[in-house]
């Protein structure tokens, strides 16, 4: 899939897909959106609640993309002393030239983030790789509709697919029912999207939904919870 590297309002980079006329992140700030929606509204409450029983905090991302959410999650987890196992689904792996174009942004963050970004994109698919002590990532080149997900496994789901009008097949009740089955009791699902039909499909699949203030450029976002 052809993509173009673009700079967003907070100075961080995103990708633009001409065929879909869609950006990977908010043009108001890629990093700012990721911190607000996924790390702040999703990971933050779970880190505040303390360690999970019986192992690491298990996270699933639908739409690994540039790896921004994964690497920000790594940093937040390390700061909190949390162990995290991170699975990222991605059906459009980035070409090497695009990864190379994104690398300088991470180089500016220092050798730690720069090396983590490089290792994330160099990592083999379908193999758990330790990017940093306490943080393991597994990249999976499958769509959420076709991948096998263990029942009751995940504590947190980042739903970061392209917008519903661009990829309607990913925003169905059937997909959210599959994610509900894969979620542990009390698990969270967070998304930048606040579309009414999206929330109705979540509720039909069993999720409890709430609206939260969105990042710059968006009035609202969605957080959902699987009942305990």
C-alpha atoms as a PDB file:
ATOM      1  CA  UNK A   1       0.000   0.000   0.000  1.00  0.00           C
ATOM      2  CA  UNK A   2       1.477   3.318  -1.103  1.00  0.00           C
ATOM      3  CA  UNK A   3       1.998   5.750   1.790  1.00  0.00           C
ATOM      4  CA  UNK A   4       3.500   9.219   2.191  1.00  0.00           C
ATOM      5  CA  UNK A   5       5.296  10.548   5.284  1.00  0.00           C
ATOM      6  CA  UNK A   6       3.746  13.770   6.606  1.00  0.00           C
ATOM      7  CA  UNK A   7       4.355  16.037   9.591  1.00  0.00           C
ATOM      8  CA  UNK A   8       1.475  16.724  11.994  1.00  0.00           C
ATOM      9  CA  UNK A   9       0.791  19.850  14.037  1.00  0.00           C
ATOM     10  CA  UNK A  10       2.782  18.749  17.100  1.00  0.00           C
ATOM     11  CA  UNK A  11       5.840  18.068  14.942  1.00  0.00           C
ATOM     12  CA  UNK A  12       5.496  14.276  15.023  1.00  0.00           C
ATOM     13  CA  UNK A  13       5.211  12.221  11.853  1.00  0.00           C
ATOM     14  CA  UNK A  14       2.338  10.235  10.416  1.00  0.00           C
ATOM     15  CA  UNK A  15       1.595   8.445   7.153  1.00  0.00           C
ATOM     16  CA  UNK A  16      -0.944   9.380   4.502  1.00  0.00           C
ATOM     17  CA  UNK A  17      -2.604   6.774   2.258  1.00  0.00           C
ATOM     18  CA  UNK A  18      -3.577   8.390  -1.062  1.00  0.00           C
ATOM     19  CA  UNK A  19      -5.748   5.431  -2.106  1.00  0.00           C
ATOM     20  CA  UNK A  20      -7.923   5.883   0.986  1.00  0.00           C
ATOM     21  CA  UNK A  21      -7.328   9.617   1.423  1.00  0.00           C
ATOM     22  CA  UNK A  22      -6.645   8.768   5.055  1.00  0.00           C
ATOM     23  CA  UNK A  23      -3.931   9.493   7.614  1.00  0.00           C
ATOM     24  CA  UNK A  24      -2.631   6.911  10.093  1.00  0.00           C
ATOM     25  CA  UNK A  25      -2.933   9.459  12.939  1.00  0.00           C
ATOM     26  CA  UNK A  26      -4.540  12.793  13.683  1.00  0.00           C
ATOM     27  CA  UNK A  27      -3.095  15.656  11.661  1.00  0.00           C
ATOM     28  CA  UNK A  28      -3.490  17.746  14.850  1.00  0.00           C
ATOM     29  CA  UNK A  29      -0.671  15.706  16.387  1.00  0.00           C
ATOM     30  CA  UNK A  30       0.154  12.023  15.916  1.00  0.00           C
ATOM     31  CA  UNK A  31       2.040  11.625  19.167  1.00  0.00           C
ATOM     32  CA  UNK A  32      -0.407  13.835  21.070  1.00  0.00           C
ATOM     33  CA  UNK A  33      -3.346  11.708  19.898  1.00  0.00           C
ATOM     34  CA  UNK A  34      -1.619   8.435  20.821  1.00  0.00           C
ATOM     35  CA  UNK A  35      -0.733   9.685  24.296  1.00  0.00           C
ATOM     36  CA  UNK A  36      -4.260  10.955  24.935  1.00  0.00           C
ATOM     37  CA  UNK A  37      -6.333   8.094  23.521  1.00  0.00           C
ATOM     38  CA  UNK A  38      -4.314   4.941  24.011  1.00  0.00           C
ATOM     39  CA  UNK A  39      -1.780   5.584  26.756  1.00  0.00           C
ATOM     40  CA  UNK A  40      -3.866   8.040  28.773  1.00  0.00           C
ATOM     41  CA  UNK A  41      -7.381   6.610  28.541  1.00  0.00           C
ATOM     42  CA  UNK A  42      -6.431   2.962  28.093  1.00  0.00           C
ATOM     43  CA  UNK A  43      -3.107   2.055  29.646  1.00  0.00           C
ATOM     44  CA  UNK A  44      -3.153   4.697  32.382  1.00  0.00           C
ATOM     45  CA  UNK A  45      -6.064   3.289  34.425  1.00  0.00           C
ATOM     46  CA  UNK A  46      -4.610  -0.229  34.295  1.00  0.00           C
ATOM     47  CA  UNK A  47      -1.167   0.910  35.415  1.00  0.00           C
ATOM     48  CA  UNK A  48      -2.779   2.886  38.236  1.00  0.00           C
ATOM     49  CA  UNK A  49      -4.629  -0.261  39.344  1.00  0.00           C
ATOM     50  CA  UNK A  50      -1.337  -2.087  39.918  1.00  0.00           C
ATOM     51  CA  UNK A  51       0.178  -5.344  38.629  1.00  0.00           C
ATOM     52  CA  UNK A  52      -2.023  -7.973  37.030  1.00  0.00           C
ATOM     53  CA  UNK A  53      -2.277 -11.350  38.707  1.00  0.00           C
ATOM     54  CA  UNK A  54      -0.411 -14.245  37.147  1.00  0.00           C
ATOM     55  CA  UNK A  55       1.719 -12.516  34.535  1.00  0.00           C
ATOM     56  CA  UNK A  56       2.241  -9.418  32.411  1.00  0.00           C
ATOM     57  CA  UNK A  57      -0.328  -6.890  31.270  1.00  0.00           C
ATOM     58  CA  UNK A  58      -1.503  -8.273  27.923  1.00  0.00           C
ATOM     59  CA  UNK A  59      -2.340  -5.769  25.196  1.00  0.00           C
ATOM     60  CA  UNK A  60      -3.723  -6.256  21.677  1.00  0.00           C
ATOM     61  CA  UNK A  61      -3.474  -3.520  19.070  1.00  0.00           C
ATOM     62  CA  UNK A  62      -5.645  -3.653  15.960  1.00  0.00           C
ATOM     63  CA  UNK A  63      -3.566  -1.591  13.533  1.00  0.00           C
ATOM     64  CA  UNK A  64       0.111  -1.642  14.582  1.00  0.00           C
ATOM     65  CA  UNK A  65       0.991   0.850  11.832  1.00  0.00           C
ATOM     66  CA  UNK A  66       4.142   2.850  12.542  1.00  0.00           C
ATOM     67  CA  UNK A  67       4.531   1.308  15.993  1.00  0.00           C
ATOM     68  CA  UNK A  68       3.852   4.629  17.734  1.00  0.00           C
ATOM     69  CA  UNK A  69       1.310   3.230  20.203  1.00  0.00           C
ATOM     70  CA  UNK A  70       3.509   0.248  21.006  1.00  0.00           C
ATOM     71  CA  UNK A  71       6.594   2.351  21.719  1.00  0.00           C
ATOM     72  CA  UNK A  72       4.732   4.902  23.825  1.00  0.00           C
ATOM     73  CA  UNK A  73       3.231   1.986  25.754  1.00  0.00           C
ATOM     74  CA  UNK A  74       6.711   0.568  26.276  1.00  0.00           C
ATOM     75  CA  UNK A  75       7.915   3.891  27.718  1.00  0.00           C
ATOM     76  CA  UNK A  76       4.903   4.249  30.022  1.00  0.00           C
ATOM     77  CA  UNK A  77       5.205   0.648  31.177  1.00  0.00           C
ATOM     78  CA  UNK A  78       8.880   1.034  31.994  1.00  0.00           C
ATOM     79  CA  UNK A  79       8.191   4.229  33.947  1.00  0.00           C
ATOM     80  CA  UNK A  80       5.589   2.361  35.998  1.00  0.00           C
ATOM     81  CA  UNK A  81       7.675  -0.782  36.423  1.00  0.00           C
ATOM     82  CA  UNK A  82       5.054  -2.875  34.615  1.00  0.00           C
ATOM     83  CA  UNK A  83       5.593  -6.029  32.559  1.00  0.00           C
ATOM     84  CA  UNK A  84       3.762  -5.927  29.225  1.00  0.00           C
ATOM     85  CA  UNK A  85       3.142  -8.485  26.480  1.00  0.00           C
ATOM     86  CA  UNK A  86       2.029  -6.654  23.341  1.00  0.00           C
ATOM     87  CA  UNK A  87       0.454  -8.213  20.236  1.00  0.00           C
ATOM     88  CA  UNK A  88       0.058  -5.975  17.177  1.00  0.00           C
ATOM     89  CA  UNK A  89      -2.074  -6.915  14.171  1.00  0.00           C
ATOM     90  CA  UNK A  90      -1.012  -5.337  10.873  1.00  0.00           C
ATOM     91  CA  UNK A  91      -2.100  -6.302   7.368  1.00  0.00           C
ATOM     92  CA  UNK A  92      -0.002  -3.625   5.621  1.00  0.00           C
ATOM     93  CA  UNK A  93       3.611  -3.900   6.864  1.00  0.00           C
ATOM     94  CA  UNK A  94       5.603  -0.746   6.172  1.00  0.00           C
ATOM     95  CA  UNK A  95       8.182  -0.784   3.361  1.00  0.00           C
ATOM     96  CA  UNK A  96      11.793  -0.409   4.476  1.00  0.00           C
ATOM     97  CA  UNK A  97      12.039   3.007   2.839  1.00  0.00           C
ATOM     98  CA  UNK A  98       9.131   4.300   4.931  1.00  0.00           C
ATOM     99  CA  UNK A  99      10.640   2.904   8.142  1.00  0.00           C
ATOM    100  CA  UNK A 100      13.911   4.629   7.257  1.00  0.00           C
ATOM    101  CA  UNK A 101      12.065   7.923   6.696  1.00  0.00           C
ATOM    102  CA  UNK A 102      10.449   7.639  10.143  1.00  0.00           C
ATOM    103  CA  UNK A 103      13.658   6.658  11.963  1.00  0.00           C
ATOM    104  CA  UNK A 104      15.064  10.229  12.411  1.00  0.00           C
ATOM    105  CA  UNK A 105      12.071  11.230  14.547  1.00  0.00           C
ATOM    106  CA  UNK A 106      12.944   8.427  16.981  1.00  0.00           C
ATOM    107  CA  UNK A 107      16.657   9.205  16.792  1.00  0.00           C
ATOM    108  CA  UNK A 108      15.795  12.607  18.272  1.00  0.00           C
ATOM    109  CA  UNK A 109      14.307  10.846  21.330  1.00  0.00           C
ATOM    110  CA  UNK A 110      17.663   9.318  22.238  1.00  0.00           C
ATOM    111  CA  UNK A 111      19.406   5.970  21.728  1.00  0.00           C
ATOM    112  CA  UNK A 112      16.828   3.995  23.711  1.00  0.00           C
ATOM    113  CA  UNK A 113      13.718   4.922  21.675  1.00  0.00           C
ATOM    114  CA  UNK A 114      15.743   4.982  18.443  1.00  0.00           C
ATOM    115  CA  UNK A 115      16.942   1.429  18.984  1.00  0.00           C
ATOM    116  CA  UNK A 116      13.500   0.227  20.040  1.00  0.00           C
ATOM    117  CA  UNK A 117      11.914   1.652  16.886  1.00  0.00           C
ATOM    118  CA  UNK A 118      14.538  -0.011  14.712  1.00  0.00           C
ATOM    119  CA  UNK A 119      14.237  -3.373  16.486  1.00  0.00           C
ATOM    120  CA  UNK A 120      10.434  -3.266  16.354  1.00  0.00           C
ATOM    121  CA  UNK A 121      10.396  -2.936  12.582  1.00  0.00           C
ATOM    122  CA  UNK A 122      13.256  -5.383  12.074  1.00  0.00           C
ATOM    123  CA  UNK A 123      11.618  -8.029  14.278  1.00  0.00           C
ATOM    124  CA  UNK A 124      10.323 -11.186  12.572  1.00  0.00           C
ATOM    125  CA  UNK A 125       6.591 -11.723  12.334  1.00  0.00           C
ATOM    126  CA  UNK A 126       4.690 -14.169  14.556  1.00  0.00           C
ATOM    127  CA  UNK A 127       7.592 -14.363  17.036  1.00  0.00           C
ATOM    128  CA  UNK A 128       7.604 -12.701  20.489  1.00  0.00           C
ATOM    129  CA  UNK A 129      10.583 -10.330  20.734  1.00  0.00           C
ATOM    130  CA  UNK A 130      11.785  -8.556  23.869  1.00  0.00           C
ATOM    131  CA  UNK A 131      12.250  -4.918  22.858  1.00  0.00           C
ATOM    132  CA  UNK A 132      13.235  -3.878  26.380  1.00  0.00           C
ATOM    133  CA  UNK A 133      13.320  -5.535  29.806  1.00  0.00           C
ATOM    134  CA  UNK A 134       9.739  -6.359  30.734  1.00  0.00           C
ATOM    135  CA  UNK A 135       8.274  -5.527  27.301  1.00  0.00           C
ATOM    136  CA  UNK A 136       7.654  -8.227  24.700  1.00  0.00           C
ATOM    137  CA  UNK A 137       6.052  -7.552  21.326  1.00  0.00           C
ATOM    138  CA  UNK A 138       4.696  -9.941  18.733  1.00  0.00           C
ATOM    139  CA  UNK A 139       3.819  -8.618  15.287  1.00  0.00           C
ATOM    140  CA  UNK A 140       1.048 -10.562  13.549  1.00  0.00           C
ATOM    141  CA  UNK A 141       0.424 -10.024   9.809  1.00  0.00           C
ATOM    142  CA  UNK A 142      -3.260 -10.933   9.986  1.00  0.00           C
ATOM    143  CA  UNK A 143      -6.585  -9.118   9.968  1.00  0.00           C
ATOM    144  CA  UNK A 144      -8.603  -9.229  13.167  1.00  0.00           C
ATOM    145  CA  UNK A 145     -11.375 -11.121  11.362  1.00  0.00           C
ATOM    146  CA  UNK A 146      -9.089 -14.062  10.556  1.00  0.00           C
ATOM    147  CA  UNK A 147      -6.587 -14.230  13.415  1.00  0.00           C
ATOM    148  CA  UNK A 148      -7.061 -16.761  16.231  1.00  0.00           C
ATOM    149  CA  UNK A 149      -7.357 -15.026  19.622  1.00  0.00           C
ATOM    150  CA  UNK A 150      -7.240 -16.869  22.946  1.00  0.00           C
ATOM    151  CA  UNK A 151     -10.415 -16.487  25.021  1.00  0.00           C
ATOM    152  CA  UNK A 152     -10.235 -14.092  27.977  1.00  0.00           C
ATOM    153  CA  UNK A 153      -6.595 -13.253  27.262  1.00  0.00           C
ATOM    154  CA  UNK A 154      -6.221  -9.482  26.872  1.00  0.00           C
ATOM    155  CA  UNK A 155      -6.448  -6.803  29.537  1.00  0.00           C
ATOM    156  CA  UNK A 156      -6.438  -3.918  27.058  1.00  0.00           C
ATOM    157  CA  UNK A 157      -7.295  -3.508  23.373  1.00  0.00           C
ATOM    158  CA  UNK A 158      -6.177  -0.569  21.258  1.00  0.00           C
ATOM    159  CA  UNK A 159      -8.630  -0.325  18.364  1.00  0.00           C
ATOM    160  CA  UNK A 160      -6.710   1.856  15.915  1.00  0.00           C
ATOM    161  CA  UNK A 161      -8.028   0.773  12.523  1.00  0.00           C
ATOM    162  CA  UNK A 162      -8.659   3.249   9.726  1.00  0.00           C
ATOM    163  CA  UNK A 163     -11.947   5.159  10.069  1.00  0.00           C
ATOM    164  CA  UNK A 164     -15.254   3.275   9.683  1.00  0.00           C
ATOM    165  CA  UNK A 165     -15.977   4.827   6.288  1.00  0.00           C
ATOM    166  CA  UNK A 166     -12.552   3.670   5.040  1.00  0.00           C
ATOM    167  CA  UNK A 167     -12.556   0.109   6.453  1.00  0.00           C
ATOM    168  CA  UNK A 168     -16.175  -0.697   7.350  1.00  0.00           C
ATOM    169  CA  UNK A 169     -15.424  -4.423   7.545  1.00  0.00           C
ATOM    170  CA  UNK A 170     -13.398  -3.839  10.723  1.00  0.00           C
ATOM    171  CA  UNK A 171     -16.083  -1.928  12.628  1.00  0.00           C
ATOM    172  CA  UNK A 172     -18.790  -4.583  12.776  1.00  0.00           C
ATOM    173  CA  UNK A 173     -20.606  -6.170  15.686  1.00  0.00           C
ATOM    174  CA  UNK A 174     -18.992  -9.491  14.738  1.00  0.00           C
ATOM    175  CA  UNK A 175     -15.487  -8.040  15.128  1.00  0.00           C
ATOM    176  CA  UNK A 176     -16.318  -6.508  18.508  1.00  0.00           C
ATOM    177  CA  UNK A 177     -17.899  -9.765  19.650  1.00  0.00           C
ATOM    178  CA  UNK A 178     -14.655 -11.547  18.752  1.00  0.00           C
ATOM    179  CA  UNK A 179     -12.646  -8.983  20.711  1.00  0.00           C
ATOM    180  CA  UNK A 180     -15.088  -9.272  23.625  1.00  0.00           C
ATOM    181  CA  UNK A 181     -14.450 -13.020  23.750  1.00  0.00           C
ATOM    182  CA  UNK A 182     -10.686 -12.417  23.678  1.00  0.00           C
ATOM    183  CA  UNK A 183     -10.846  -9.862  26.496  1.00  0.00           C
ATOM    184  CA  UNK A 184     -10.377 -10.718  30.156  1.00  0.00           C
ATOM    185  CA  UNK A 185     -13.130  -9.715  32.607  1.00  0.00           C
ATOM    186  CA  UNK A 186     -12.801  -5.988  33.318  1.00  0.00           C
ATOM    187  CA  UNK A 187     -10.664  -5.401  30.212  1.00  0.00           C
ATOM    188  CA  UNK A 188     -10.708  -2.051  28.413  1.00  0.00           C
ATOM    189  CA  UNK A 189     -10.995  -1.213  24.729  1.00  0.00           C
ATOM    190  CA  UNK A 190     -10.104   2.313  23.593  1.00  0.00           C
ATOM    191  CA  UNK A 191     -10.444   4.061  20.237  1.00  0.00           C
ATOM    192  CA  UNK A 192     -10.146   7.550  18.828  1.00  0.00           C
ATOM    193  CA  UNK A 193     -13.549   7.007  17.183  1.00  0.00           C
ATOM    194  CA  UNK A 194     -16.783   8.288  18.748  1.00  0.00           C
ATOM    195  CA  UNK A 195     -19.197   7.382  15.952  1.00  0.00           C
ATOM    196  CA  UNK A 196     -22.660   6.412  17.174  1.00  0.00           C
ATOM    197  CA  UNK A 197     -22.871   3.191  15.144  1.00  0.00           C
ATOM    198  CA  UNK A 198     -19.466   2.143  16.454  1.00  0.00           C
ATOM    199  CA  UNK A 199     -20.672   2.457  20.045  1.00  0.00           C
ATOM    200  CA  UNK A 200     -23.929   0.660  19.241  1.00  0.00           C
ATOM    201  CA  UNK A 201     -21.978  -2.239  17.722  1.00  0.00           C
ATOM    202  CA  UNK A 202     -19.780  -2.398  20.816  1.00  0.00           C
ATOM    203  CA  UNK A 203     -22.808  -2.524  23.121  1.00  0.00           C
ATOM    204  CA  UNK A 204     -24.485  -5.174  20.968  1.00  0.00           C
ATOM    205  CA  UNK A 205     -21.351  -7.291  21.397  1.00  0.00           C
ATOM    206  CA  UNK A 206     -21.513  -6.968  25.202  1.00  0.00           C
ATOM    207  CA  UNK A 207     -19.194  -4.020  25.902  1.00  0.00           C
ATOM    208  CA  UNK A 208     -20.114  -1.202  28.282  1.00  0.00           C
ATOM    209  CA  UNK A 209     -19.237   2.084  26.568  1.00  0.00           C
ATOM    210  CA  UNK A 210     -18.478   5.619  27.679  1.00  0.00           C
ATOM    211  CA  UNK A 211     -17.606   8.833  25.902  1.00  0.00           C
ATOM    212  CA  UNK A 212     -14.461  10.659  26.954  1.00  0.00           C
ATOM    213  CA  UNK A 213     -13.045  14.007  25.820  1.00  0.00           C
ATOM    214  CA  UNK A 214     -11.081  13.530  22.627  1.00  0.00           C
ATOM    215  CA  UNK A 215      -7.577  14.689  21.727  1.00  0.00           C
ATOM    216  CA  UNK A 216      -7.022  18.037  19.961  1.00  0.00           C
ATOM    217  CA  UNK A 217      -9.186  18.158  16.850  1.00  0.00           C
ATOM    218  CA  UNK A 218     -11.766  15.669  18.157  1.00  0.00           C
ATOM    219  CA  UNK A 219     -14.530  16.429  20.625  1.00  0.00           C
ATOM    220  CA  UNK A 220     -14.921  12.856  21.900  1.00  0.00           C
ATOM    221  CA  UNK A 221     -13.354   9.404  21.942  1.00  0.00           C
ATOM    222  CA  UNK A 222     -14.629   6.010  23.130  1.00  0.00           C
ATOM    223  CA  UNK A 223     -13.654   3.726  25.965  1.00  0.00           C
ATOM    224  CA  UNK A 224     -15.391   0.398  26.491  1.00  0.00           C
ATOM    225  CA  UNK A 225     -15.176  -2.121  29.317  1.00  0.00           C
ATOM    226  CA  UNK A 226     -15.935  -5.823  29.508  1.00  0.00           C
ATOM    227  CA  UNK A 227     -18.031  -6.446  32.627  1.00  0.00           C
ATOM    228  CA  UNK A 228     -16.094  -8.105  35.447  1.00  0.00           C
END
